[in-house]
Amino acid sequence: MKPKTIIIAILLALVVIVLFYNKEESTFWLFGEIRTSKLIILGSFYLLGVITGGVLFRRRKKHPKEYGISNPNATETSAATTSASPEQSPYSTSNLSDEDRDFIRRD
């Protein structure tokens, strides 16, 4: 078992113990007096904290700094480009402008 899983299990066990030892009734003010169990109050605020923490500290996917072109059919296109003459090949760079060649070189 991973240490992270063990720590989470211990924390959840402690939360359950604290919640079930606080069953007595108490008053709570939320736009008026509400008389309810401490179990419900503590549990709802715990869940609210977990949701808030999850939203605030979620991991975001990092975007790559450079984007490249990947071709899964590289073997098929390489065979097609070697057999065809450069003028007939759709991948030929002979009819591109200098600006276009510079743009392709940056990839």
N, C-alpha and C. Protein backbone atom coordinates (compact mmCIF):
# COMPACT_ATOMS: atom_id res chain seq x y z
N MET A 1 0.83 -1.17 0.00
CA MET A 1 0.00 0.00 0.00
C MET A 1 0.88 1.25 0.00
N LYS A 2 0.46 2.25 -0.73
CA LYS A 2 1.22 3.49 -0.82
C LYS A 2 1.04 4.31 0.46
N PRO A 3 2.05 5.08 0.83
CA PRO A 3 1.93 5.92 2.03
C PRO A 3 0.79 6.94 1.93
N LYS A 4 0.55 7.46 0.74
CA LYS A 4 -0.53 8.44 0.57
C LYS A 4 -1.89 7.81 0.89
N THR A 5 -2.09 6.57 0.47
CA THR A 5 -3.35 5.87 0.74
C THR A 5 -3.52 5.62 2.22
N ILE A 6 -2.44 5.25 2.91
CA ILE A 6 -2.50 4.99 4.35
C ILE A 6 -2.84 6.27 5.11
N ILE A 7 -2.23 7.39 4.73
CA ILE A 7 -2.49 8.66 5.41
C ILE A 7 -3.93 9.10 5.20
N ILE A 8 -4.43 8.95 3.98
CA ILE A 8 -5.83 9.32 3.70
C ILE A 8 -6.78 8.43 4.50
N ALA A 9 -6.49 7.14 4.61
CA ALA A 9 -7.36 6.24 5.37
C ALA A 9 -7.37 6.61 6.85
N ILE A 10 -6.21 6.96 7.39
CA ILE A 10 -6.13 7.36 8.81
C ILE A 10 -6.90 8.65 9.04
N LEU A 11 -6.75 9.63 8.14
CA LEU A 11 -7.48 10.89 8.29
C LEU A 11 -8.99 10.68 8.20
N LEU A 12 -9.43 9.85 7.27
CA LEU A 12 -10.86 9.58 7.17
C LEU A 12 -11.39 8.86 8.41
N ALA A 13 -10.60 7.96 8.97
CA ALA A 13 -11.02 7.28 10.20
C ALA A 13 -11.15 8.28 11.34
N LEU A 14 -10.21 9.21 11.45
CA LEU A 14 -10.30 10.25 12.49
C LEU A 14 -11.51 11.14 12.29
N VAL A 15 -11.82 11.48 11.06
CA VAL A 15 -13.01 12.31 10.78
C VAL A 15 -14.27 11.57 11.20
N VAL A 16 -14.35 10.29 10.88
CA VAL A 16 -15.54 9.50 11.26
C VAL A 16 -15.67 9.42 12.78
N ILE A 17 -14.56 9.22 13.48
CA ILE A 17 -14.60 9.15 14.95
C ILE A 17 -15.07 10.48 15.53
N VAL A 18 -14.55 11.59 15.05
CA VAL A 18 -14.95 12.91 15.55
C VAL A 18 -16.42 13.16 15.26
N LEU A 19 -16.87 12.80 14.07
CA LEU A 19 -18.27 13.04 13.72
C LEU A 19 -19.22 12.23 14.62
N PHE A 20 -18.93 10.98 14.88
CA PHE A 20 -19.87 10.16 15.63
C PHE A 20 -19.78 10.36 17.14
N TYR A 21 -18.77 11.07 17.63
CA TYR A 21 -18.76 11.42 19.04
C TYR A 21 -19.42 12.77 19.29
N ASN A 22 -19.94 13.40 18.29
CA ASN A 22 -20.61 14.69 18.43
C ASN A 22 -22.04 14.56 17.90
N LYS A 23 -22.84 13.76 18.59
CA LYS A 23 -24.21 13.52 18.16
C LYS A 23 -25.23 14.43 18.84
N GLU A 24 -24.82 15.15 19.89
CA GLU A 24 -25.81 15.93 20.62
C GLU A 24 -26.35 17.09 19.77
N GLU A 25 -27.49 17.58 20.19
CA GLU A 25 -28.17 18.63 19.44
C GLU A 25 -27.57 19.99 19.79
N SER A 26 -27.48 20.85 18.80
CA SER A 26 -26.99 22.21 19.03
C SER A 26 -27.72 23.17 18.12
N THR A 27 -27.58 24.44 18.43
CA THR A 27 -28.21 25.46 17.59
C THR A 27 -27.17 26.04 16.64
N PHE A 28 -27.63 26.36 15.49
CA PHE A 28 -26.77 26.86 14.44
C PHE A 28 -27.49 28.01 13.75
N TRP A 29 -26.76 29.10 13.53
CA TRP A 29 -27.40 30.24 12.89
C TRP A 29 -27.03 30.26 11.42
N LEU A 30 -28.02 30.15 10.58
CA LEU A 30 -27.86 30.31 9.14
C LEU A 30 -29.13 31.00 8.65
N PHE A 31 -29.10 32.34 8.68
CA PHE A 31 -30.27 33.16 8.36
C PHE A 31 -31.46 32.76 9.24
N GLY A 32 -31.17 32.50 10.47
CA GLY A 32 -32.18 32.11 11.45
C GLY A 32 -31.64 30.97 12.30
N GLU A 33 -32.28 30.73 13.44
CA GLU A 33 -31.85 29.66 14.35
C GLU A 33 -32.25 28.30 13.79
N ILE A 34 -31.28 27.42 13.71
CA ILE A 34 -31.53 26.05 13.27
C ILE A 34 -31.04 25.13 14.38
N ARG A 35 -31.94 24.26 14.85
CA ARG A 35 -31.55 23.27 15.87
C ARG A 35 -31.36 21.94 15.17
N THR A 36 -30.12 21.46 15.19
CA THR A 36 -29.81 20.21 14.50
C THR A 36 -28.66 19.52 15.21
N SER A 37 -28.34 18.34 14.77
CA SER A 37 -27.26 17.56 15.36
C SER A 37 -25.90 18.14 14.96
N LYS A 38 -24.92 18.05 15.86
CA LYS A 38 -23.57 18.49 15.52
C LYS A 38 -22.98 17.63 14.41
N LEU A 39 -23.43 16.38 14.35
CA LEU A 39 -22.97 15.47 13.31
C LEU A 39 -23.25 16.04 11.92
N ILE A 40 -24.43 16.56 11.71
CA ILE A 40 -24.80 17.13 10.41
C ILE A 40 -24.01 18.40 10.13
N ILE A 41 -23.87 19.25 11.15
CA ILE A 41 -23.14 20.51 10.97
C ILE A 41 -21.68 20.24 10.63
N LEU A 42 -21.01 19.41 11.45
CA LEU A 42 -19.60 19.11 11.20
C LEU A 42 -19.40 18.39 9.87
N GLY A 43 -20.26 17.44 9.56
CA GLY A 43 -20.14 16.71 8.30
C GLY A 43 -20.33 17.60 7.09
N SER A 44 -21.31 18.50 7.15
CA SER A 44 -21.53 19.38 6.00
C SER A 44 -20.37 20.35 5.81
N PHE A 45 -19.82 20.88 6.91
CA PHE A 45 -18.68 21.78 6.77
C PHE A 45 -17.42 21.04 6.34
N TYR A 46 -17.27 19.80 6.74
CA TYR A 46 -16.13 19.00 6.28
C TYR A 46 -16.23 18.78 4.77
N LEU A 47 -17.40 18.38 4.29
CA LEU A 47 -17.58 18.18 2.85
C LEU A 47 -17.39 19.48 2.07
N LEU A 48 -17.87 20.58 2.63
CA LEU A 48 -17.67 21.88 1.98
C LEU A 48 -16.19 22.21 1.88
N GLY A 49 -15.42 21.91 2.92
CA GLY A 49 -13.98 22.14 2.90
C GLY A 49 -13.26 21.25 1.91
N VAL A 50 -13.67 19.98 1.81
CA VAL A 50 -13.05 19.06 0.85
C VAL A 50 -13.32 19.52 -0.57
N ILE A 51 -14.53 19.93 -0.86
CA ILE A 51 -14.87 20.40 -2.21
C ILE A 51 -14.11 21.68 -2.54
N THR A 52 -14.05 22.61 -1.59
CA THR A 52 -13.32 23.86 -1.81
C THR A 52 -11.84 23.60 -2.03
N GLY A 53 -11.25 22.73 -1.22
CA GLY A 53 -9.85 22.39 -1.40
C GLY A 53 -9.58 21.70 -2.72
N GLY A 54 -10.49 20.84 -3.14
CA GLY A 54 -10.33 20.18 -4.43
C GLY A 54 -10.38 21.15 -5.59
N VAL A 55 -11.25 22.13 -5.50
CA VAL A 55 -11.35 23.13 -6.58
C VAL A 55 -10.13 24.04 -6.58
N LEU A 56 -9.69 24.48 -5.42
CA LEU A 56 -8.57 25.42 -5.34
C LEU A 56 -7.23 24.80 -5.67
N PHE A 57 -7.01 23.56 -5.26
CA PHE A 57 -5.69 22.94 -5.39
C PHE A 57 -5.65 21.81 -6.41
N ARG A 58 -6.54 21.83 -7.40
CA ARG A 58 -6.51 20.78 -8.42
C ARG A 58 -5.29 20.96 -9.32
N ARG A 59 -4.86 19.85 -9.87
CA ARG A 59 -3.71 19.88 -10.78
C ARG A 59 -4.20 20.25 -12.16
N ARG A 60 -3.53 21.19 -12.76
CA ARG A 60 -3.89 21.61 -14.10
C ARG A 60 -2.93 20.98 -15.10
N LYS A 61 -3.45 20.66 -16.26
CA LYS A 61 -2.61 20.09 -17.30
C LYS A 61 -1.71 21.18 -17.84
N LYS A 62 -0.43 20.85 -17.97
CA LYS A 62 0.51 21.82 -18.51
C LYS A 62 0.56 21.66 -20.03
N HIS A 63 0.52 22.79 -20.69
CA HIS A 63 0.60 22.79 -22.14
C HIS A 63 2.06 22.73 -22.57
N PRO A 64 2.34 22.04 -23.65
CA PRO A 64 3.73 22.00 -24.10
C PRO A 64 4.18 23.38 -24.57
N LYS A 65 5.47 23.66 -24.39
CA LYS A 65 5.99 24.97 -24.79
C LYS A 65 6.09 25.07 -26.30
N GLU A 66 6.37 23.96 -26.95
CA GLU A 66 6.46 23.94 -28.40
C GLU A 66 5.54 22.87 -28.93
N TYR A 67 4.88 23.20 -29.99
CA TYR A 67 4.00 22.25 -30.63
C TYR A 67 4.68 21.69 -31.87
N GLY A 68 4.57 20.41 -32.08
CA GLY A 68 5.16 19.77 -33.25
C GLY A 68 4.12 18.96 -33.98
N ILE A 69 4.48 18.53 -35.13
CA ILE A 69 3.58 17.72 -35.94
C ILE A 69 4.04 16.28 -35.84
N SER A 70 3.15 15.40 -35.45
CA SER A 70 3.49 13.99 -35.40
C SER A 70 2.64 13.28 -36.44
N ASN A 71 3.25 12.40 -37.18
CA ASN A 71 2.58 11.68 -38.24
C ASN A 71 2.59 10.20 -37.92
N PRO A 72 1.44 9.61 -37.60
CA PRO A 72 1.43 8.18 -37.28
C PRO A 72 1.68 7.31 -38.50
N ASN A 73 1.48 7.85 -39.70
CA ASN A 73 1.69 7.09 -40.93
C ASN A 73 3.02 7.47 -41.57
N ALA A 74 4.06 7.63 -40.77
CA ALA A 74 5.34 8.11 -41.27
C ALA A 74 5.97 7.13 -42.25
N THR A 75 5.79 5.85 -42.04
CA THR A 75 6.42 4.88 -42.94
C THR A 75 5.75 4.91 -44.31
N GLU A 76 4.43 5.11 -44.34
CA GLU A 76 3.73 5.16 -45.62
C GLU A 76 4.11 6.41 -46.40
N THR A 77 4.19 7.55 -45.73
CA THR A 77 4.50 8.79 -46.44
C THR A 77 5.96 8.85 -46.85
N SER A 78 6.85 8.27 -46.04
CA SER A 78 8.25 8.28 -46.43
C SER A 78 8.47 7.41 -47.66
N ALA A 79 7.76 6.31 -47.78
CA ALA A 79 7.88 5.47 -48.95
C ALA A 79 7.29 6.18 -50.17
N ALA A 80 6.22 6.93 -49.97
CA ALA A 80 5.60 7.64 -51.08
C ALA A 80 6.48 8.79 -51.55
N THR A 81 7.16 9.46 -50.65
CA THR A 81 7.98 10.60 -51.05
C THR A 81 9.27 10.16 -51.72
N THR A 82 9.81 9.01 -51.38
CA THR A 82 11.05 8.56 -52.01
C THR A 82 10.80 8.03 -53.41
N SER A 83 9.64 7.44 -53.67
CA SER A 83 9.37 6.89 -54.98
C SER A 83 8.94 7.96 -55.97
N ALA A 84 8.27 9.01 -55.52
CA ALA A 84 7.79 10.06 -56.42
C ALA A 84 8.89 11.10 -56.61
N SER A 85 8.83 11.77 -57.71
CA SER A 85 9.80 12.83 -57.96
C SER A 85 9.46 14.05 -57.12
N PRO A 86 10.42 14.94 -56.83
CA PRO A 86 10.14 16.09 -55.96
C PRO A 86 9.08 17.02 -56.51
N GLU A 87 8.92 17.12 -57.80
CA GLU A 87 7.92 18.02 -58.36
C GLU A 87 6.51 17.46 -58.18
N GLN A 88 6.37 16.15 -58.15
CA GLN A 88 5.06 15.54 -58.05
C GLN A 88 4.64 15.30 -56.60
N SER A 89 5.57 15.29 -55.69
CA SER A 89 5.27 14.98 -54.30
C SER A 89 4.51 16.14 -53.64
N PRO A 90 3.44 15.84 -52.89
CA PRO A 90 2.72 16.92 -52.19
C PRO A 90 3.52 17.46 -51.01
N TYR A 91 4.58 16.76 -50.60
CA TYR A 91 5.39 17.19 -49.47
C TYR A 91 6.65 17.92 -49.91
N SER A 92 6.75 18.22 -51.16
CA SER A 92 7.94 18.86 -51.69
C SER A 92 8.02 20.31 -51.23
N THR A 93 9.23 20.76 -50.89
CA THR A 93 9.42 22.16 -50.46
C THR A 93 10.03 23.00 -51.56
N SER A 94 10.14 22.47 -52.76
CA SER A 94 10.79 23.21 -53.84
C SER A 94 9.94 24.38 -54.33
N ASN A 95 8.61 24.30 -54.18
CA ASN A 95 7.77 25.38 -54.66
C ASN A 95 7.26 26.28 -53.52
N LEU A 96 7.96 26.29 -52.38
CA LEU A 96 7.58 27.15 -51.26
C LEU A 96 8.40 28.42 -51.27
N SER A 97 7.82 29.48 -50.71
CA SER A 97 8.56 30.73 -50.57
C SER A 97 9.54 30.62 -49.41
N ASP A 98 10.48 31.57 -49.33
CA ASP A 98 11.46 31.57 -48.24
C ASP A 98 10.78 31.73 -46.88
N GLU A 99 9.74 32.53 -46.85
CA GLU A 99 9.00 32.74 -45.59
C GLU A 99 8.35 31.43 -45.12
N ASP A 100 7.79 30.67 -46.06
CA ASP A 100 7.17 29.39 -45.71
C ASP A 100 8.21 28.38 -45.22
N ARG A 101 9.38 28.36 -45.86
CA ARG A 101 10.44 27.45 -45.42
C ARG A 101 10.92 27.79 -44.01
N ASP A 102 11.04 29.09 -43.70
CA ASP A 102 11.43 29.50 -42.35
C ASP A 102 10.39 29.07 -41.33
N PHE A 103 9.11 29.17 -41.70
CA PHE A 103 8.05 28.78 -40.78
C PHE A 103 8.10 27.29 -40.51
N ILE A 104 8.33 26.49 -41.54
CA ILE A 104 8.39 25.04 -41.36
C ILE A 104 9.62 24.65 -40.57
N ARG A 105 10.74 25.33 -40.76
CA ARG A 105 11.96 25.02 -40.03
C ARG A 105 11.81 25.23 -38.53
N ARG A 106 10.93 26.13 -38.11
CA ARG A 106 10.75 26.39 -36.67
C ARG A 106 10.11 25.22 -35.94
N ASP A 107 9.43 24.34 -36.63
CA ASP A 107 8.85 23.15 -35.99
C ASP A 107 9.91 22.23 -35.67
